[in-house]
Protein backbone atom coordinates (compact mmCIF):
# COMPACT_ATOMS: atom_id res chain seq x y z
CA MET A 1 -20.57 79.80 -31.34
CA SER A 2 -21.35 83.39 -30.31
CA ASP A 3 -22.01 82.36 -26.68
CA ILE A 4 -18.35 81.45 -26.12
CA LYS A 5 -16.46 84.27 -24.38
CA THR A 6 -13.05 84.65 -22.80
CA VAL A 7 -12.63 84.87 -19.04
CA GLU A 8 -11.58 88.51 -19.46
CA GLU A 9 -14.79 89.35 -21.36
CA ILE A 10 -16.96 87.64 -18.76
CA LEU A 11 -15.27 89.42 -15.84
CA LYS A 12 -15.75 92.77 -17.56
CA GLU A 13 -19.49 92.06 -17.91
CA GLU A 14 -19.80 90.80 -14.34
CA SER A 15 -20.06 94.27 -12.85
CA SER A 16 -23.34 94.88 -14.71
CA ASP A 17 -24.83 91.81 -13.00
CA ASP A 18 -23.51 92.72 -9.55
CA LEU A 19 -26.52 94.87 -8.67
CA TRP A 20 -28.42 93.91 -5.53
CA ILE A 21 -32.18 94.41 -5.88
CA TRP A 22 -32.48 93.54 -2.18
CA GLU A 23 -29.13 93.89 -0.45
CA SER A 24 -27.27 90.57 0.05
CA ILE A 25 -30.40 88.53 -0.82
CA ILE A 26 -31.68 89.14 -4.38
CA ARG A 27 -29.30 90.01 -7.19
CA ALA A 28 -30.34 91.48 -10.55
CA ARG A 29 -31.10 89.08 -13.43
CA THR A 30 -31.69 86.08 -11.17
CA ILE A 31 -34.55 83.67 -10.50
CA ASN A 32 -35.54 83.49 -6.84
CA ILE A 33 -38.22 81.62 -4.89
CA ILE A 34 -40.18 82.41 -1.72
CA SER A 35 -41.99 79.44 -0.17
CA GLY A 36 -44.31 79.11 2.80
CA ASP A 37 -47.41 77.40 4.12
CA GLU A 38 -50.86 78.51 3.10
CA SER A 39 -51.78 81.73 4.96
CA SER A 40 -48.23 82.12 6.25
CA GLY A 41 -48.01 85.59 4.71
CA LYS A 42 -46.08 84.92 1.49
CA SER A 43 -48.06 87.38 -0.64
CA THR A 44 -48.02 90.00 2.11
CA LEU A 45 -44.25 89.63 2.39
CA VAL A 46 -43.77 89.99 -1.37
CA ILE A 47 -46.14 92.96 -1.66
CA ASN A 48 -44.23 94.77 1.09
CA LEU A 49 -40.92 93.93 -0.58
CA CYS A 50 -42.25 95.28 -3.91
CA LYS A 51 -43.42 98.46 -2.23
CA ALA A 52 -39.93 99.03 -0.80
CA ILE A 53 -38.24 98.30 -4.14
CA SER A 54 -40.65 100.53 -6.08
CA ASP A 55 -40.10 103.39 -3.66
CA GLY A 56 -36.35 102.71 -3.20
CA GLU A 57 -36.71 102.21 0.57
CA ASP A 58 -34.95 99.86 2.98
CA PHE A 59 -36.79 96.60 3.67
CA LEU A 60 -36.32 94.68 6.92
CA GLY A 61 -33.16 96.64 7.61
CA LEU A 62 -31.58 96.05 4.18
CA LYS A 63 -31.22 98.42 1.23
CA THR A 64 -33.17 97.97 -2.01
CA THR A 65 -32.61 99.27 -5.54
CA LYS A 66 -35.48 101.07 -7.22
CA GLN A 67 -37.07 98.97 -9.97
CA ARG A 68 -40.14 98.87 -12.21
CA ILE A 69 -42.31 95.94 -11.16
CA LEU A 70 -44.84 93.60 -12.75
CA TYR A 71 -46.89 91.64 -10.18
CA VAL A 72 -48.58 88.58 -11.74
CA SER A 73 -51.11 86.83 -9.48
CA SER A 74 -53.20 83.69 -9.85
CA GLU A 75 -54.83 84.08 -6.42
CA MET A 76 -55.86 87.74 -6.33
CA SER A 77 -57.56 89.96 -8.89
CA ASN A 78 -55.90 93.12 -10.22
CA THR A 79 -58.19 95.13 -7.98
CA ASP A 80 -57.28 93.13 -4.86
CA VAL A 81 -53.55 93.42 -5.54
CA SER A 82 -53.87 97.17 -6.18
CA ARG A 83 -55.84 97.65 -2.97
CA ALA A 84 -53.18 95.74 -1.04
CA PHE A 85 -50.47 98.06 -2.40
CA ALA A 86 -52.57 101.12 -1.59
CA ALA A 87 -53.20 99.82 1.96
CA ILE A 88 -49.48 99.67 2.75
CA GLY A 89 -48.84 103.14 1.34
CA LEU A 90 -47.24 102.55 -2.08
CA ASN A 91 -45.91 105.93 -3.23
CA ASN A 92 -44.83 105.26 -6.82
CA LYS A 93 -48.07 103.69 -8.04
CA GLU A 94 -47.06 104.29 -11.65
CA ASN A 95 -43.99 102.12 -11.06
CA VAL A 96 -45.97 98.92 -10.35
CA SER A 97 -48.13 97.05 -12.88
CA VAL A 98 -50.41 94.13 -12.01
CA MET A 99 -51.79 91.25 -14.04
CA GLU A 100 -54.12 88.34 -13.36
CA LEU A 101 -52.66 84.95 -14.23
CA HIS A 102 -55.15 82.49 -15.68
CA ASP A 103 -54.41 79.57 -17.98
CA GLU A 104 -52.11 81.18 -20.55
CA PRO A 105 -48.58 79.81 -21.10
CA LEU A 106 -45.53 81.79 -20.05
CA ALA A 107 -45.19 83.29 -23.54
CA PHE A 108 -48.06 85.71 -22.86
CA LEU A 109 -45.77 87.64 -20.50
CA LYS A 110 -43.61 88.79 -23.40
CA TYR A 111 -45.99 91.63 -24.17
CA ASP A 112 -46.09 92.90 -20.62
CA VAL A 113 -42.56 92.70 -19.26
CA ILE A 114 -40.96 95.32 -21.51
CA ASN A 115 -41.39 98.06 -18.92
CA ALA A 116 -40.63 95.88 -15.90
CA ASP A 117 -37.27 95.12 -14.30
CA LEU A 118 -38.66 92.83 -11.59
CA ILE A 119 -41.38 90.21 -12.18
CA ILE A 120 -43.32 88.56 -9.36
CA ILE A 121 -45.19 85.33 -10.19
CA ASP A 122 -47.66 84.38 -7.46
CA LEU A 123 -48.17 81.37 -7.55
CA PHE A 124 -45.36 79.52 -9.34
CA ILE A 125 -47.43 76.30 -9.50
CA GLN A 126 -49.84 78.03 -11.91
CA ILE A 127 -47.02 78.76 -14.38
CA LEU A 128 -45.92 75.12 -14.19
CA ILE A 129 -49.46 73.93 -14.89
CA ASN A 130 -49.92 76.42 -17.74
CA GLU A 131 -46.69 75.21 -19.34
CA GLY A 132 -47.80 71.59 -19.06
CA LYS A 133 -45.05 70.81 -16.54
CA ASP A 134 -45.18 68.47 -13.55
CA PRO A 135 -43.69 70.13 -10.42
CA ASN A 136 -42.52 66.73 -9.20
CA VAL A 137 -40.54 65.89 -12.36
CA TYR A 138 -36.93 67.09 -12.32
CA LYS A 139 -36.69 67.42 -16.11
CA ASP A 140 -39.90 69.45 -16.40
CA VAL A 141 -38.82 71.95 -13.76
CA ASN A 142 -35.33 72.33 -15.23
CA GLU A 143 -36.78 72.96 -18.69
CA LEU A 144 -39.02 75.72 -17.34
CA TYR A 145 -36.14 77.41 -15.54
CA SER A 146 -33.99 77.10 -18.66
CA ASN A 147 -36.74 78.73 -20.74
CA MET A 148 -37.05 81.63 -18.31
CA ARG A 149 -33.28 82.20 -18.29
CA SER A 150 -32.91 82.08 -22.08
CA ASP A 151 -36.15 83.76 -23.22
CA SER A 152 -35.28 87.06 -24.91
CA ALA A 153 -38.07 88.89 -23.05
CA LEU A 154 -37.19 87.47 -19.61
CA LYS A 155 -33.46 86.80 -19.42
CA ASP A 156 -32.58 90.36 -18.41
CA LYS A 157 -35.28 90.48 -15.74
CA THR A 158 -35.19 89.62 -12.06
CA ILE A 159 -37.86 87.05 -11.20
CA ILE A 160 -39.37 86.13 -7.82
CA LEU A 161 -41.54 83.01 -7.71
CA VAL A 162 -44.01 82.46 -4.86
CA HIS A 163 -44.55 78.80 -3.98
CA HIS A 164 -45.85 76.39 -1.33
CA LEU A 165 -44.07 74.15 1.20
CA ASN A 166 -44.76 70.44 1.68
CA LYS A 167 -45.48 68.68 4.99
CA LEU A 168 -41.77 68.55 5.82
CA GLY A 169 -41.41 72.30 5.47
CA GLU A 170 -39.45 71.89 2.23
CA ILE A 171 -40.12 73.52 -1.14
CA ASN A 172 -42.98 71.52 -2.66
CA GLY A 173 -42.19 69.41 -5.73
CA SER A 174 -38.92 68.32 -7.30
CA VAL A 175 -35.69 69.28 -5.54
CA SER A 176 -34.77 71.13 -8.73
CA ILE A 177 -37.30 73.88 -7.91
CA GLY A 178 -35.06 75.03 -5.09
CA GLY A 179 -31.80 73.87 -6.61
CA ALA A 180 -32.27 75.83 -9.83
CA SER A 181 -33.16 79.04 -7.97
CA ASP A 182 -30.46 81.59 -7.24
CA THR A 183 -31.91 82.49 -3.83
CA ARG A 184 -34.32 80.34 -1.81
CA MET A 185 -36.42 81.92 0.94
CA ILE A 186 -38.63 79.92 3.31
CA LEU A 187 -41.20 81.75 5.45
CA SER A 188 -41.80 79.66 8.59
CA MET A 189 -44.93 79.76 10.72
CA PRO A 190 -44.61 79.87 14.53
CA GLU A 191 -45.84 77.07 16.77
CA LYS A 192 -48.68 79.37 17.83
CA ARG A 193 -50.18 79.95 14.39
CA GLN A 194 -52.13 83.02 15.53
CA SER A 195 -48.87 84.73 16.51
CA PRO A 196 -47.67 87.59 14.27
CA GLU A 197 -44.09 86.27 14.40
CA ARG A 198 -42.46 84.67 11.36
CA VAL A 199 -38.92 83.67 10.37
CA LEU A 200 -37.61 84.14 6.82
CA SER A 201 -34.73 81.72 6.17
CA ILE A 202 -32.39 82.70 3.33
CA TYR A 203 -30.28 80.24 1.30
CA GLY A 204 -28.61 80.62 -2.07
CA LYS A 205 -25.77 80.18 -4.52
CA SER A 206 -24.09 83.50 -3.86
CA VAL A 207 -25.84 84.78 -0.73
CA GLU A 208 -25.05 84.48 2.95
CA GLN A 209 -27.32 82.03 4.74
CA LYS A 210 -29.32 83.88 7.39
CA ASP A 211 -32.61 83.95 9.31
CA ILE A 212 -34.64 87.15 9.58
CA ALA A 213 -37.21 87.37 12.40
CA ILE A 214 -40.31 89.25 11.22
CA SER A 215 -43.37 90.58 13.00
CA PHE A 216 -46.58 90.96 10.94
CA ASP A 217 -49.24 93.58 11.56
CA PHE A 218 -52.27 91.77 10.15
CA SER A 219 -54.61 94.77 10.30
CA SER A 220 -52.39 97.04 8.17
CA ARG A 221 -50.73 94.23 6.14
CA THR A 222 -47.32 95.65 7.03
CA MET A 223 -44.32 94.05 8.73
CA SER A 224 -41.16 94.91 10.58
CA LEU A 225 -38.14 93.26 12.14
CA SER A 226 -39.21 91.27 15.18
CA GLU A 227 -38.06 92.59 18.53
CA SER A 228 -38.77 89.43 20.51
CA GLY A 229 -37.81 86.54 18.25
CA ASN A 230 -38.92 84.23 21.07
CA ASP A 231 -41.66 82.38 19.21
CA LYS A 232 -39.80 79.41 17.75
CA PRO A 233 -40.76 78.39 14.19
CA ILE A 234 -42.22 74.96 13.64
CA ASP A 235 -39.72 72.18 12.97
CA TYR A 236 -41.68 70.69 10.07
CA GLU A 237 -39.56 67.54 9.91
CA LEU A 238 -40.16 66.78 13.57
CA ALA A 239 -43.87 67.56 13.19
CA TYR A 240 -44.05 65.08 10.31
CA ILE A 241 -42.28 62.35 12.33
CA ILE A 242 -44.69 62.86 15.24
CA GLU A 243 -47.69 62.75 12.89
CA GLN A 244 -46.50 59.48 11.33
CA VAL A 245 -45.71 57.77 14.64
CA VAL A 246 -49.08 58.76 16.11
CA ALA A 247 -50.84 57.41 13.00
CA ARG A 248 -48.89 54.12 13.01
CA GLY A 249 -48.70 53.56 16.77
CA GLU A 250 -45.10 52.37 16.52
CA VAL A 251 -42.17 52.60 14.12
CA SER A 252 -39.15 50.41 14.76
CA GLY A 253 -36.07 49.06 13.04
CA SER A 254 -32.52 50.09 12.29
CA CYS A 255 -31.84 53.80 11.73
CA GLN A 256 -31.85 53.18 7.99
CA GLU A 257 -35.09 51.18 8.15
CA VAL A 258 -36.86 53.87 10.20
CA SER A 259 -35.59 56.53 7.78
CA ALA A 260 -36.98 54.51 4.86
CA ILE A 261 -40.35 53.86 6.54
CA LEU A 262 -40.80 57.56 7.30
CA LYS A 263 -39.26 58.64 3.95
CA LEU A 264 -36.61 60.77 5.64
CA SER A 265 -34.07 60.81 2.83
CA ARG A 266 -31.39 62.96 4.46
CA PHE A 267 -31.14 60.65 7.47
CA GLY A 268 -30.94 57.59 5.24
CA ARG A 269 -27.56 58.75 3.99
CA ASN A 270 -26.17 59.06 7.54
CA PRO A 271 -27.98 56.62 9.86
CA ASN A 272 -26.53 57.93 13.12
CA SER A 273 -27.83 61.43 12.40
CA LEU A 274 -31.45 60.26 12.88
CA LYS A 275 -30.71 58.98 16.38
CA LYS A 276 -28.93 62.25 17.26
CA TYR A 277 -31.82 64.29 15.85
CA LEU A 278 -34.43 62.35 17.82
CA ASN A 279 -32.40 62.57 21.04
CA ALA A 280 -32.04 66.34 20.56
CA ASN A 281 -35.84 66.59 20.36
CA ILE A 282 -36.70 64.05 23.05
CA GLU A 283 -38.59 66.62 25.13
CA THR A 284 -40.94 67.47 22.25
CA LEU A 285 -41.45 63.75 21.49
CA ASN A 286 -42.39 63.10 25.12
CA GLN A 287 -44.77 66.06 25.13
CA ASN A 288 -46.58 64.33 22.27
CA ASP A 289 -46.69 60.98 24.13
CA ILE A 290 -43.97 59.40 22.01
CA GLU A 291 -41.34 57.24 23.68
CA LEU A 292 -37.94 56.75 22.06
CA ALA A 293 -36.08 53.53 22.83
CA SER A 294 -32.69 52.55 21.46
CA GLU A 295 -30.99 49.20 21.86
CA ARG A 296 -28.12 47.46 20.13
CA SER A 297 -28.65 44.04 18.58
CA SER A 298 -25.81 41.72 17.60
CA LYS A 299 -25.32 43.62 14.35
CA GLU A 300 -26.83 47.11 14.59
CA ARG A 301 -28.67 49.63 16.71
CA ILE A 302 -32.47 49.35 16.77
CA LEU A 303 -34.72 52.39 17.24
CA ARG A 304 -38.26 52.19 18.53
CA LEU A 305 -40.69 55.14 18.38
CA ILE A 306 -43.84 54.26 20.31
CA HIS A 307 -46.98 56.35 20.68
CA ALA A 308 -48.09 55.62 24.22
CA LYS A 309 -50.87 58.05 25.02
CA LYS A 310 -51.12 58.63 28.75
């Protein structure tokens, strides 16, 4: 059992893994995921991050550690990716390699990662499909993560996966996609979708939870820390509730019943939290012609969400 080590041995090795690729957010030899809506700027964000890491520059006010990078894309050609890097002023062009991702399984990367410390896979869904995995199946996702962590060609690499959000603004697919990642980053769109403002929300196993307000410059494909931060990101969960109530005309029942009808799993565990959440957003509900009524029956509280267009 060569994998069994003493606590002393593990602590001695820990220092070699304590390298931050992106200060306080991405640690060396980890698997990380960046998710966002279509056209939210995920690829632009990652390309700018790669440029900073390749050149050893600060990114969004945080230090980076210089790394060799392999950018694997299923959405852009090698030429398009290279042009994007050139457009934002990549200095160390020899430090970044690019590859088009088609229908090959993950094993094909083994021949191309030798000279890379950091691997970007854009989009993650393509790797899942190529491996014959279902993104909605917990076991399939866990097996893929396990393979990436144990594969001799990948286990010493830092990996960033680019992925989509679902209608609720959550990482699309099984909860294990986010749960198995070391750092989860969600890029939120503003309510005014044409606005250059974005918010990058950071979560993780060993990182401090934080929100970073970003301002995009669409013409130059660059970004910077936002000075205003006034454009509030969309509350995807609230948007989903409004969409469902408008489509149905009315949703009513106990807090648990309403949670079940609308498939709001986190509120189902704590019924009173749904009522508090709706009351906290009553102004937005009213702006969308939705009335919230609450009354107590002999046994429990009944909620009524009614779409009453004026």
